[in-house]
Protein backbone atom coordinates (compact mmCIF):
# COMPACT_ATOMS: atom_id res chain seq x y z
CA MET A 1 -19.77 16.66 -24.24
CA GLN A 2 -18.13 14.55 -26.93
CA LEU A 3 -16.53 17.69 -28.42
CA VAL A 4 -15.07 18.57 -25.02
CA CYS A 5 -13.60 15.08 -24.62
CA SER A 6 -12.12 15.01 -28.12
CA THR A 7 -10.67 18.52 -27.69
CA LYS A 8 -9.09 17.48 -24.38
CA ILE A 9 -7.49 14.47 -26.07
CA LEU A 10 -6.12 16.64 -28.89
CA ILE A 11 -4.67 19.18 -26.44
CA GLU A 12 -3.00 16.39 -24.43
CA LYS A 13 -1.51 15.00 -27.65
CA LEU A 14 -0.26 18.47 -28.60
CA ARG A 15 1.31 18.85 -25.16
CA GLU A 16 3.08 15.48 -25.40
CA ASP A 17 4.03 15.36 -29.09
CA GLY A 18 3.65 18.88 -30.45
CA TRP A 19 7.02 20.33 -29.49
CA GLN A 20 9.03 18.45 -32.11
CA ASN A 21 6.78 19.49 -35.00
CA LEU A 22 6.72 23.10 -33.84
CA PHE A 23 10.49 23.15 -33.40
CA LYS A 24 11.09 21.64 -36.86
CA GLY A 25 8.80 24.27 -38.38
CA VAL A 26 10.60 27.11 -36.60
CA VAL A 27 14.03 25.80 -37.67
CA PHE A 28 12.82 25.47 -41.26
CA PHE A 29 11.45 29.04 -41.22
CA CYS A 30 14.68 30.41 -39.75
CA GLU A 31 16.82 28.62 -42.31
CA GLN A 32 14.66 29.91 -45.18
CA HIS A 33 14.97 33.50 -43.93
CA ASP A 34 18.64 33.40 -42.84
CA ILE A 35 17.78 33.87 -39.16
CA ASN A 36 20.40 32.70 -36.65
CA ILE A 37 19.29 29.85 -34.42
CA PRO A 38 20.82 29.71 -30.93
CA ASP A 39 22.42 26.52 -29.62
CA PHE A 40 19.48 24.97 -27.81
CA HIS A 41 21.79 22.79 -25.73
CA SER A 42 23.53 25.76 -24.11
CA THR A 43 22.58 27.07 -20.68
CA TYR A 44 19.60 29.41 -20.49
CA VAL A 45 20.32 32.63 -18.59
CA ALA A 46 17.34 34.59 -17.30
CA ARG A 47 17.51 38.18 -18.49
CA HIS A 48 15.33 39.64 -15.77
CA GLY A 49 16.25 39.96 -12.13
CA HIS A 50 19.67 38.80 -11.00
CA SER A 51 20.77 36.07 -13.39
CA ARG A 52 23.93 35.44 -11.37
CA HIS A 53 21.67 34.14 -8.59
CA GLN A 54 19.96 31.71 -10.93
CA LYS A 55 20.20 28.29 -9.30
CA ASP A 56 18.69 26.17 -12.04
CA HIS A 57 21.02 25.20 -14.86
CA VAL A 58 18.51 24.65 -17.62
CA THR A 59 19.11 24.57 -21.36
CA ILE A 60 17.54 26.97 -23.81
CA GLU A 61 15.50 24.09 -25.23
CA TYR A 62 14.16 23.18 -21.79
CA HIS A 63 13.19 26.79 -21.12
CA PHE A 64 11.23 27.11 -24.36
CA ARG A 65 9.74 23.60 -24.27
CA VAL A 66 8.71 23.46 -20.60
CA ASN A 67 8.55 27.04 -19.35
CA MET A 68 6.91 28.41 -22.50
CA PHE A 69 5.29 25.75 -24.74
CA VAL A 70 3.86 23.45 -22.07
CA VAL A 71 2.67 26.35 -19.90
CA ILE A 72 0.86 27.94 -22.86
CA VAL A 73 -0.75 24.64 -23.89
CA ASP A 74 -1.87 24.07 -20.29
CA LYS A 75 -3.52 27.48 -20.15
């Protein structure tokens, strides 16, 4: 039971604090390999469905941090 509790604590810490470390690592990798990095402060446009009907004006960073990273950690 102690392993379950400690794992839960580590996952919660990853969810709260893990994004910055992951993002820094990705930026570092992209810079080392000359990969273009999009402006994460620009508006995210959904590529599926009808993007012109998209009501939420979210940034690319928000999409990847909340809609991707947090959802995956929660799974």
